[in-house]
Amino acid sequence: MPRTIATAITVSLFSALLAAALPLHAAQGSTGMLEPAGITISTNEALYVLGEAVQVTVQVQPPLDLNNLLRFSVYTPGGDTFRIAEFSINNDGHFVWTFDLPQSEAGQWTINAKFSTKDAEATIEVLEVDVFDKVFIESAALFDVRGNEMTSGEGRVGESIAITATLVNDEQVSQPYMFIVQIIDDDGAASSLSLTLGSLMPGQSANPSVSWLPGEQGAYAAEIFVWSSLDGPVPLVEKHTVAFSIT
């Protein structure tokens, strides 16, 4: 076979092989790295309140290049960047991330998740918490010096009384509180004011208590207030009143 013909055949075979390889190379991207087929994002709820924890779930569809990082960007209703975080992911492409909302700026928030060239967004609605919806008083009771509940609502002069309430935090955020009890006589005058401090975890209940030593007979009422911390106190629940008498 003439040399020129052999060379032409070799060049033709090389060109054919190169053309066959190009589609495979293109499927991997211009950098030769694997590109994910897609990405999805979701949140555990659609509505949140300020200060609540948001759980974000992302699923990246293979093929995966684990040299890339999963990048989260969280934007406020005004379009400002609130948080950026990056994480490595596993071979299954499944990832869960949790972050806490601030105590201000209600409205529609946006969460973006990006892996390589693929990204997805989720929006959530963030609401303000009504002042009287943060904590509720499940029950309130009076106990005598022996620890017995005063079901008849009667106490004795010179014997200490404990005023106790069951508080429940029905929100998904922690809540510090001041438990305040004011004793009012039958003339409407305050004869005592006591308080104790505490904190409730999400979904937690507590039984704060204060004591009062009656010095005179008469009809009384224990007014129970639950406010936030000493720094900028606001009421967390409406006033609760328990009437009793001292004999």
C-alpha atoms as a PDB file:
ATOM      1  CA  MET A   1       0.000   0.000   0.000  1.00  0.00           C
ATOM      2  CA  PRO A   2       1.400   3.409  -0.909  1.00  0.00           C
ATOM      3  CA  ARG A   3       2.588   5.427   2.098  1.00  0.00           C
ATOM      4  CA  THR A   4       0.338   8.415   1.330  1.00  0.00           C
ATOM      5  CA  ILE A   5      -2.762   6.182   1.302  1.00  0.00           C
ATOM      6  CA  ALA A   6      -1.777   4.527   4.613  1.00  0.00           C
ATOM      7  CA  THR A   7      -1.283   7.941   6.219  1.00  0.00           C
ATOM      8  CA  ALA A   8      -4.690   9.111   4.989  1.00  0.00           C
ATOM      9  CA  ILE A   9      -6.359   6.009   6.420  1.00  0.00           C
ATOM     10  CA  THR A  10      -4.628   6.516   9.794  1.00  0.00           C
ATOM     11  CA  VAL A  11      -5.730  10.172   9.965  1.00  0.00           C
ATOM     12  CA  SER A  12      -9.301   9.195   9.069  1.00  0.00           C
ATOM     13  CA  LEU A  13      -9.416   6.520  11.791  1.00  0.00           C
ATOM     14  CA  PHE A  14      -8.013   8.957  14.381  1.00  0.00           C
ATOM     15  CA  SER A  15     -10.585  11.601  13.392  1.00  0.00           C
ATOM     16  CA  ALA A  16     -13.412   9.084  13.702  1.00  0.00           C
ATOM     17  CA  LEU A  17     -12.251   7.979  17.152  1.00  0.00           C
ATOM     18  CA  LEU A  18     -11.924  11.610  18.277  1.00  0.00           C
ATOM     19  CA  ALA A  19     -15.422  12.440  17.036  1.00  0.00           C
ATOM     20  CA  ALA A  20     -16.846   9.457  18.902  1.00  0.00           C
ATOM     21  CA  ALA A  21     -15.158  10.543  22.128  1.00  0.00           C
ATOM     22  CA  LEU A  22     -16.370  14.156  22.018  1.00  0.00           C
ATOM     23  CA  PRO A  23     -19.989  13.499  23.124  1.00  0.00           C
ATOM     24  CA  LEU A  24     -18.743  11.660  26.217  1.00  0.00           C
ATOM     25  CA  HIS A  25     -16.420  14.531  27.071  1.00  0.00           C
ATOM     26  CA  ALA A  26     -19.164  17.099  26.573  1.00  0.00           C
ATOM     27  CA  ALA A  27     -21.512  15.231  28.917  1.00  0.00           C
ATOM     28  CA  GLN A  28     -18.988  15.724  31.686  1.00  0.00           C
ATOM     29  CA  GLY A  29     -18.870  19.503  31.275  1.00  0.00           C
ATOM     30  CA  SER A  30     -16.219  21.850  29.971  1.00  0.00           C
ATOM     31  CA  THR A  31     -14.016  21.150  32.985  1.00  0.00           C
ATOM     32  CA  GLY A  32     -14.322  17.370  32.650  1.00  0.00           C
ATOM     33  CA  MET A  33     -16.104  17.153  36.044  1.00  0.00           C
ATOM     34  CA  LEU A  34     -19.397  15.342  36.676  1.00  0.00           C
ATOM     35  CA  GLU A  35     -22.483  17.566  36.766  1.00  0.00           C
ATOM     36  CA  PRO A  36     -25.538  16.735  38.930  1.00  0.00           C
ATOM     37  CA  ALA A  37     -28.776  15.964  37.131  1.00  0.00           C
ATOM     38  CA  GLY A  38     -30.723  18.346  39.364  1.00  0.00           C
ATOM     39  CA  ILE A  39     -31.400  19.622  42.882  1.00  0.00           C
ATOM     40  CA  THR A  40     -34.519  20.004  45.032  1.00  0.00           C
ATOM     41  CA  ILE A  41     -35.075  21.964  48.256  1.00  0.00           C
ATOM     42  CA  SER A  42     -37.844  21.919  50.860  1.00  0.00           C
ATOM     43  CA  THR A  43     -38.524  23.177  54.412  1.00  0.00           C
ATOM     44  CA  ASN A  44     -40.248  21.402  57.298  1.00  0.00           C
ATOM     45  CA  GLU A  45     -42.897  24.152  57.473  1.00  0.00           C
ATOM     46  CA  ALA A  46     -44.289  26.906  55.255  1.00  0.00           C
ATOM     47  CA  LEU A  47     -45.061  29.339  58.103  1.00  0.00           C
ATOM     48  CA  TYR A  48     -42.633  30.290  60.860  1.00  0.00           C
ATOM     49  CA  VAL A  49     -42.446  32.862  63.630  1.00  0.00           C
ATOM     50  CA  LEU A  50     -39.530  35.172  64.358  1.00  0.00           C
ATOM     51  CA  GLY A  51     -36.795  33.385  66.307  1.00  0.00           C
ATOM     52  CA  GLU A  52     -37.944  29.922  65.227  1.00  0.00           C
ATOM     53  CA  ALA A  53     -35.642  27.226  63.819  1.00  0.00           C
ATOM     54  CA  VAL A  54     -35.978  26.439  60.103  1.00  0.00           C
ATOM     55  CA  GLN A  55     -35.103  22.953  58.849  1.00  0.00           C
ATOM     56  CA  VAL A  56     -34.055  22.779  55.187  1.00  0.00           C
ATOM     57  CA  THR A  57     -33.793  19.508  53.250  1.00  0.00           C
ATOM     58  CA  VAL A  58     -31.862  19.278  49.976  1.00  0.00           C
ATOM     59  CA  GLN A  59     -31.553  16.395  47.526  1.00  0.00           C
ATOM     60  CA  VAL A  60     -28.887  16.580  44.819  1.00  0.00           C
ATOM     61  CA  GLN A  61     -29.402  14.111  41.977  1.00  0.00           C
ATOM     62  CA  PRO A  62     -26.328  12.160  40.774  1.00  0.00           C
ATOM     63  CA  PRO A  63     -23.834  12.112  39.181  1.00  0.00           C
ATOM     64  CA  LEU A  64     -22.006  13.953  41.964  1.00  0.00           C
ATOM     65  CA  ASP A  65     -18.567  15.461  42.158  1.00  0.00           C
ATOM     66  CA  LEU A  66     -17.899  15.403  45.906  1.00  0.00           C
ATOM     67  CA  ASN A  67     -15.137  17.986  45.479  1.00  0.00           C
ATOM     68  CA  ASN A  68     -17.938  20.572  45.248  1.00  0.00           C
ATOM     69  CA  LEU A  69     -19.633  22.097  48.294  1.00  0.00           C
ATOM     70  CA  LEU A  70     -23.350  22.558  48.867  1.00  0.00           C
ATOM     71  CA  ARG A  71     -23.888  26.298  49.347  1.00  0.00           C
ATOM     72  CA  PHE A  72     -26.857  27.825  51.185  1.00  0.00           C
ATOM     73  CA  SER A  73     -27.816  31.485  50.900  1.00  0.00           C
ATOM     74  CA  VAL A  74     -30.622  32.945  53.046  1.00  0.00           C
ATOM     75  CA  TYR A  75     -32.177  36.289  52.093  1.00  0.00           C
ATOM     76  CA  THR A  76     -34.392  38.592  54.162  1.00  0.00           C
ATOM     77  CA  PRO A  77     -37.693  40.005  52.863  1.00  0.00           C
ATOM     78  CA  GLY A  78     -35.765  43.153  51.929  1.00  0.00           C
ATOM     79  CA  GLY A  79     -33.341  41.158  49.761  1.00  0.00           C
ATOM     80  CA  ASP A  80     -30.361  41.416  52.104  1.00  0.00           C
ATOM     81  CA  THR A  81     -28.136  38.397  52.712  1.00  0.00           C
ATOM     82  CA  PHE A  82     -28.841  37.007  56.170  1.00  0.00           C
ATOM     83  CA  ARG A  83     -26.708  33.863  56.127  1.00  0.00           C
ATOM     84  CA  ILE A  84     -24.327  31.957  53.835  1.00  0.00           C
ATOM     85  CA  ALA A  85     -23.132  28.453  54.690  1.00  0.00           C
ATOM     86  CA  GLU A  86     -21.261  25.714  52.822  1.00  0.00           C
ATOM     87  CA  PHE A  87     -21.153  21.988  53.519  1.00  0.00           C
ATOM     88  CA  SER A  88     -19.755  18.773  52.100  1.00  0.00           C
ATOM     89  CA  ILE A  89     -22.337  16.168  51.098  1.00  0.00           C
ATOM     90  CA  ASN A  90     -22.403  12.371  51.003  1.00  0.00           C
ATOM     91  CA  ASN A  91     -22.692  10.053  48.007  1.00  0.00           C
ATOM     92  CA  ASP A  92     -26.489   9.927  48.297  1.00  0.00           C
ATOM     93  CA  GLY A  93     -26.760  13.716  47.807  1.00  0.00           C
ATOM     94  CA  HIS A  94     -29.175  14.067  50.746  1.00  0.00           C
ATOM     95  CA  PHE A  95     -28.526  16.891  53.217  1.00  0.00           C
ATOM     96  CA  VAL A  96     -30.450  18.553  56.077  1.00  0.00           C
ATOM     97  CA  TRP A  97     -29.521  21.974  57.463  1.00  0.00           C
ATOM     98  CA  THR A  98     -31.095  23.954  60.322  1.00  0.00           C
ATOM     99  CA  PHE A  99     -30.736  27.659  61.062  1.00  0.00           C
ATOM    100  CA  ASP A 100     -32.444  30.091  63.460  1.00  0.00           C
ATOM    101  CA  LEU A 101     -34.441  33.081  62.281  1.00  0.00           C
ATOM    102  CA  PRO A 102     -33.745  36.422  63.971  1.00  0.00           C
ATOM    103  CA  GLN A 103     -36.169  38.170  66.311  1.00  0.00           C
ATOM    104  CA  SER A 104     -37.001  40.869  63.742  1.00  0.00           C
ATOM    105  CA  GLU A 105     -38.030  41.358  60.077  1.00  0.00           C
ATOM    106  CA  ALA A 106     -41.165  39.368  59.376  1.00  0.00           C
ATOM    107  CA  GLY A 107     -42.206  38.687  55.780  1.00  0.00           C
ATOM    108  CA  GLN A 108     -41.228  36.348  52.942  1.00  0.00           C
ATOM    109  CA  TRP A 109     -37.731  34.893  53.249  1.00  0.00           C
ATOM    110  CA  THR A 110     -35.846  33.106  50.463  1.00  0.00           C
ATOM    111  CA  ILE A 111     -33.489  30.135  50.827  1.00  0.00           C
ATOM    112  CA  ASN A 112     -31.227  29.185  47.922  1.00  0.00           C
ATOM    113  CA  ALA A 113     -29.267  25.933  47.667  1.00  0.00           C
ATOM    114  CA  LYS A 114     -26.562  25.523  45.006  1.00  0.00           C
ATOM    115  CA  PHE A 115     -24.338  22.581  44.103  1.00  0.00           C
ATOM    116  CA  SER A 116     -22.003  22.926  41.119  1.00  0.00           C
ATOM    117  CA  THR A 117     -24.098  24.497  38.334  1.00  0.00           C
ATOM    118  CA  LYS A 118     -27.491  23.459  39.761  1.00  0.00           C
ATOM    119  CA  ASP A 119     -29.517  25.486  42.237  1.00  0.00           C
ATOM    120  CA  ALA A 120     -33.021  25.598  43.731  1.00  0.00           C
ATOM    121  CA  GLU A 121     -34.970  28.041  45.908  1.00  0.00           C
ATOM    122  CA  ALA A 122     -37.609  27.817  48.624  1.00  0.00           C
ATOM    123  CA  THR A 123     -39.625  30.645  50.179  1.00  0.00           C
ATOM    124  CA  ILE A 124     -41.062  30.749  53.686  1.00  0.00           C
ATOM    125  CA  GLU A 125     -43.435  33.154  55.390  1.00  0.00           C
ATOM    126  CA  VAL A 126     -42.179  34.492  58.728  1.00  0.00           C
ATOM    127  CA  LEU A 127     -44.705  35.988  61.140  1.00  0.00           C
ATOM    128  CA  GLU A 128     -44.447  38.052  64.299  1.00  0.00           C
ATOM    129  CA  VAL A 129     -45.551  36.379  67.526  1.00  0.00           C
ATOM    130  CA  ASP A 130     -48.476  38.031  69.282  1.00  0.00           C
ATOM    131  CA  VAL A 131     -47.501  39.235  72.754  1.00  0.00           C
ATOM    132  CA  PHE A 132     -50.015  36.979  74.505  1.00  0.00           C
ATOM    133  CA  ASP A 133     -49.224  33.862  72.468  1.00  0.00           C
ATOM    134  CA  LYS A 134     -45.718  33.047  73.710  1.00  0.00           C
ATOM    135  CA  VAL A 135     -46.581  31.337  77.012  1.00  0.00           C
ATOM    136  CA  PHE A 136     -49.859  30.247  78.548  1.00  0.00           C
ATOM    137  CA  ILE A 137     -50.911  29.490  82.108  1.00  0.00           C
ATOM    138  CA  GLU A 138     -52.294  25.961  82.183  1.00  0.00           C
ATOM    139  CA  SER A 139     -53.344  26.132  85.838  1.00  0.00           C
ATOM    140  CA  ALA A 140     -52.767  28.028  89.082  1.00  0.00           C
ATOM    141  CA  ALA A 141     -53.167  26.886  92.674  1.00  0.00           C
ATOM    142  CA  LEU A 142     -52.535  27.819  96.320  1.00  0.00           C
ATOM    143  CA  PHE A 143     -50.779  25.531  98.811  1.00  0.00           C
ATOM    144  CA  ASP A 144     -50.617  25.784 102.593  1.00  0.00           C
ATOM    145  CA  VAL A 145     -47.514  25.495 104.749  1.00  0.00           C
ATOM    146  CA  ARG A 146     -47.907  21.703 104.848  1.00  0.00           C
ATOM    147  CA  GLY A 147     -47.911  21.436 101.044  1.00  0.00           C
ATOM    148  CA  ASN A 148     -51.627  20.709 100.753  1.00  0.00           C
ATOM    149  CA  GLU A 149     -53.589  22.417  98.006  1.00  0.00           C
ATOM    150  CA  MET A 150     -56.052  24.971  99.375  1.00  0.00           C
ATOM    151  CA  THR A 151     -59.048  23.648  97.448  1.00  0.00           C
ATOM    152  CA  SER A 152     -61.434  25.566  99.707  1.00  0.00           C
ATOM    153  CA  GLY A 153     -59.531  28.789  99.059  1.00  0.00           C
ATOM    154  CA  GLU A 154     -58.920  29.459 102.761  1.00  0.00           C
ATOM    155  CA  GLY A 155     -55.674  30.120 104.591  1.00  0.00           C
ATOM    156  CA  ARG A 156     -54.708  31.138 108.110  1.00  0.00           C
ATOM    157  CA  VAL A 157     -53.057  34.206 109.549  1.00  0.00           C
ATOM    158  CA  GLY A 158     -49.373  33.562 110.267  1.00  0.00           C
ATOM    159  CA  GLU A 159     -49.157  30.494 108.003  1.00  0.00           C
ATOM    160  CA  SER A 160     -47.243  30.844 104.732  1.00  0.00           C
ATOM    161  CA  ILE A 161     -49.052  30.357 101.421  1.00  0.00           C
ATOM    162  CA  ALA A 162     -47.407  29.248  98.182  1.00  0.00           C
ATOM    163  CA  ILE A 163     -48.860  30.604  94.939  1.00  0.00           C
ATOM    164  CA  THR A 164     -47.944  28.246  92.084  1.00  0.00           C
ATOM    165  CA  ALA A 165     -48.765  28.120  88.378  1.00  0.00           C
ATOM    166  CA  THR A 166     -48.064  25.728  85.527  1.00  0.00           C
ATOM    167  CA  LEU A 167     -46.572  27.605  82.574  1.00  0.00           C
ATOM    168  CA  VAL A 168     -46.310  26.055  79.116  1.00  0.00           C
ATOM    169  CA  ASN A 169     -44.170  27.290  76.233  1.00  0.00           C
ATOM    170  CA  ASP A 170     -46.091  26.239  73.128  1.00  0.00           C
ATOM    171  CA  GLU A 171     -43.657  27.907  70.725  1.00  0.00           C
ATOM    172  CA  GLN A 172     -40.560  26.518  68.991  1.00  0.00           C
ATOM    173  CA  VAL A 173     -38.258  29.094  70.555  1.00  0.00           C
ATOM    174  CA  SER A 174     -36.853  29.342  74.075  1.00  0.00           C
ATOM    175  CA  GLN A 175     -38.531  31.904  76.311  1.00  0.00           C
ATOM    176  CA  PRO A 176     -37.088  33.549  79.448  1.00  0.00           C
ATOM    177  CA  TYR A 177     -39.767  34.749  81.845  1.00  0.00           C
ATOM    178  CA  MET A 178     -40.528  36.592  85.081  1.00  0.00           C
ATOM    179  CA  PHE A 179     -43.232  35.028  87.249  1.00  0.00           C
ATOM    180  CA  ILE A 180     -44.806  37.890  89.203  1.00  0.00           C
ATOM    181  CA  VAL A 181     -47.474  37.561  91.907  1.00  0.00           C
ATOM    182  CA  GLN A 182     -49.242  40.537  93.433  1.00  0.00           C
ATOM    183  CA  ILE A 183     -51.532  40.069  96.433  1.00  0.00           C
ATOM    184  CA  ILE A 184     -54.546  42.406  96.489  1.00  0.00           C
ATOM    185  CA  ASP A 185     -56.828  42.865  99.509  1.00  0.00           C
ATOM    186  CA  ASP A 186     -60.587  43.418  99.376  1.00  0.00           C
ATOM    187  CA  ASP A 187     -60.050  47.189  99.121  1.00  0.00           C
ATOM    188  CA  GLY A 188     -57.961  46.731  95.959  1.00  0.00           C
ATOM    189  CA  ALA A 189     -54.723  47.678  97.684  1.00  0.00           C
ATOM    190  CA  ALA A 190     -51.532  45.717  96.973  1.00  0.00           C
ATOM    191  CA  SER A 191     -50.155  44.108 100.109  1.00  0.00           C
ATOM    192  CA  SER A 192     -47.336  42.088  98.541  1.00  0.00           C
ATOM    193  CA  LEU A 193     -45.356  41.777  95.310  1.00  0.00           C
ATOM    194  CA  SER A 194     -43.019  38.851  94.609  1.00  0.00           C
ATOM    195  CA  LEU A 195     -41.274  37.506  91.534  1.00  0.00           C
ATOM    196  CA  THR A 196     -39.051  34.671  90.376  1.00  0.00           C
ATOM    197  CA  LEU A 197     -37.105  34.241  87.131  1.00  0.00           C
ATOM    198  CA  GLY A 198     -36.904  31.250  84.835  1.00  0.00           C
ATOM    199  CA  SER A 199     -36.647  30.032  81.254  1.00  0.00           C
ATOM    200  CA  LEU A 200     -38.698  27.629  79.149  1.00  0.00           C
ATOM    201  CA  MET A 201     -37.303  25.521  76.320  1.00  0.00           C
ATOM    202  CA  PRO A 202     -39.533  24.919  73.259  1.00  0.00           C
ATOM    203  CA  GLY A 203     -42.561  22.859  74.305  1.00  0.00           C
ATOM    204  CA  GLN A 204     -41.435  22.776  77.947  1.00  0.00           C
ATOM    205  CA  SER A 205     -43.583  23.399  81.031  1.00  0.00           C
ATOM    206  CA  ALA A 206     -42.547  24.785  84.434  1.00  0.00           C
ATOM    207  CA  ASN A 207     -44.107  25.305  87.870  1.00  0.00           C
ATOM    208  CA  PRO A 208     -42.752  28.557  89.340  1.00  0.00           C
ATOM    209  CA  SER A 209     -43.889  29.473  92.838  1.00  0.00           C
ATOM    210  CA  VAL A 210     -43.681  32.383  95.308  1.00  0.00           C
ATOM    211  CA  SER A 211     -44.621  32.512  98.988  1.00  0.00           C
ATOM    212  CA  TRP A 212     -46.666  35.010 101.000  1.00  0.00           C
ATOM    213  CA  LEU A 213     -47.181  35.274 104.753  1.00  0.00           C
ATOM    214  CA  PRO A 214     -50.653  36.677 105.572  1.00  0.00           C
ATOM    215  CA  GLY A 215     -50.813  39.032 108.552  1.00  0.00           C
ATOM    216  CA  GLU A 216     -54.533  39.827 108.631  1.00  0.00           C
ATOM    217  CA  GLN A 217     -57.856  38.160 108.003  1.00  0.00           C
ATOM    218  CA  GLY A 218     -59.882  39.087 104.970  1.00  0.00           C
ATOM    219  CA  ALA A 219     -60.601  38.419 101.313  1.00  0.00           C
ATOM    220  CA  TYR A 220     -57.662  38.494  98.926  1.00  0.00           C
ATOM    221  CA  ALA A 221     -56.741  37.832  95.324  1.00  0.00           C
ATOM    222  CA  ALA A 222     -53.447  36.659  93.868  1.00  0.00           C
ATOM    223  CA  GLU A 223     -52.817  38.374  90.529  1.00  0.00           C
ATOM    224  CA  ILE A 224     -50.366  36.362  88.428  1.00  0.00           C
ATOM    225  CA  PHE A 225     -48.335  38.039  85.672  1.00  0.00           C
ATOM    226  CA  VAL A 226     -45.823  36.399  83.333  1.00  0.00           C
ATOM    227  CA  TRP A 227     -43.477  38.838  81.618  1.00  0.00           C
ATOM    228  CA  SER A 228     -40.287  38.490  79.604  1.00  0.00           C
ATOM    229  CA  SER A 229     -36.867  39.158  81.156  1.00  0.00           C
ATOM    230  CA  LEU A 230     -35.946  42.239  83.208  1.00  0.00           C
ATOM    231  CA  ASP A 231     -34.281  43.721  80.121  1.00  0.00           C
ATOM    232  CA  GLY A 232     -37.192  45.287  78.221  1.00  0.00           C
ATOM    233  CA  PRO A 233     -40.043  43.321  79.862  1.00  0.00           C
ATOM    234  CA  VAL A 234     -43.253  42.686  77.913  1.00  0.00           C
ATOM    235  CA  PRO A 235     -46.250  40.578  78.987  1.00  0.00           C
ATOM    236  CA  LEU A 236     -46.243  37.015  77.676  1.00  0.00           C
ATOM    237  CA  VAL A 237     -49.731  36.034  78.815  1.00  0.00           C
ATOM    238  CA  GLU A 238     -52.819  37.791  80.125  1.00  0.00           C
ATOM    239  CA  LYS A 239     -53.152  38.301  83.865  1.00  0.00           C
ATOM    240  CA  HIS A 240     -54.505  35.352  85.828  1.00  0.00           C
ATOM    241  CA  THR A 241     -56.338  35.868  89.144  1.00  0.00           C
ATOM    242  CA  VAL A 242     -56.968  33.424  91.998  1.00  0.00           C
ATOM    243  CA  ALA A 243     -59.307  34.510  94.842  1.00  0.00           C
ATOM    244  CA  PHE A 244     -58.903  33.233  98.414  1.00  0.00           C
ATOM    245  CA  SER A 245     -59.556  34.220 102.015  1.00  0.00           C
ATOM    246  CA  ILE A 246     -57.557  34.308 105.248  1.00  0.00           C
ATOM    247  CA  THR A 247     -59.180  33.338 108.533  1.00  0.00           C
END
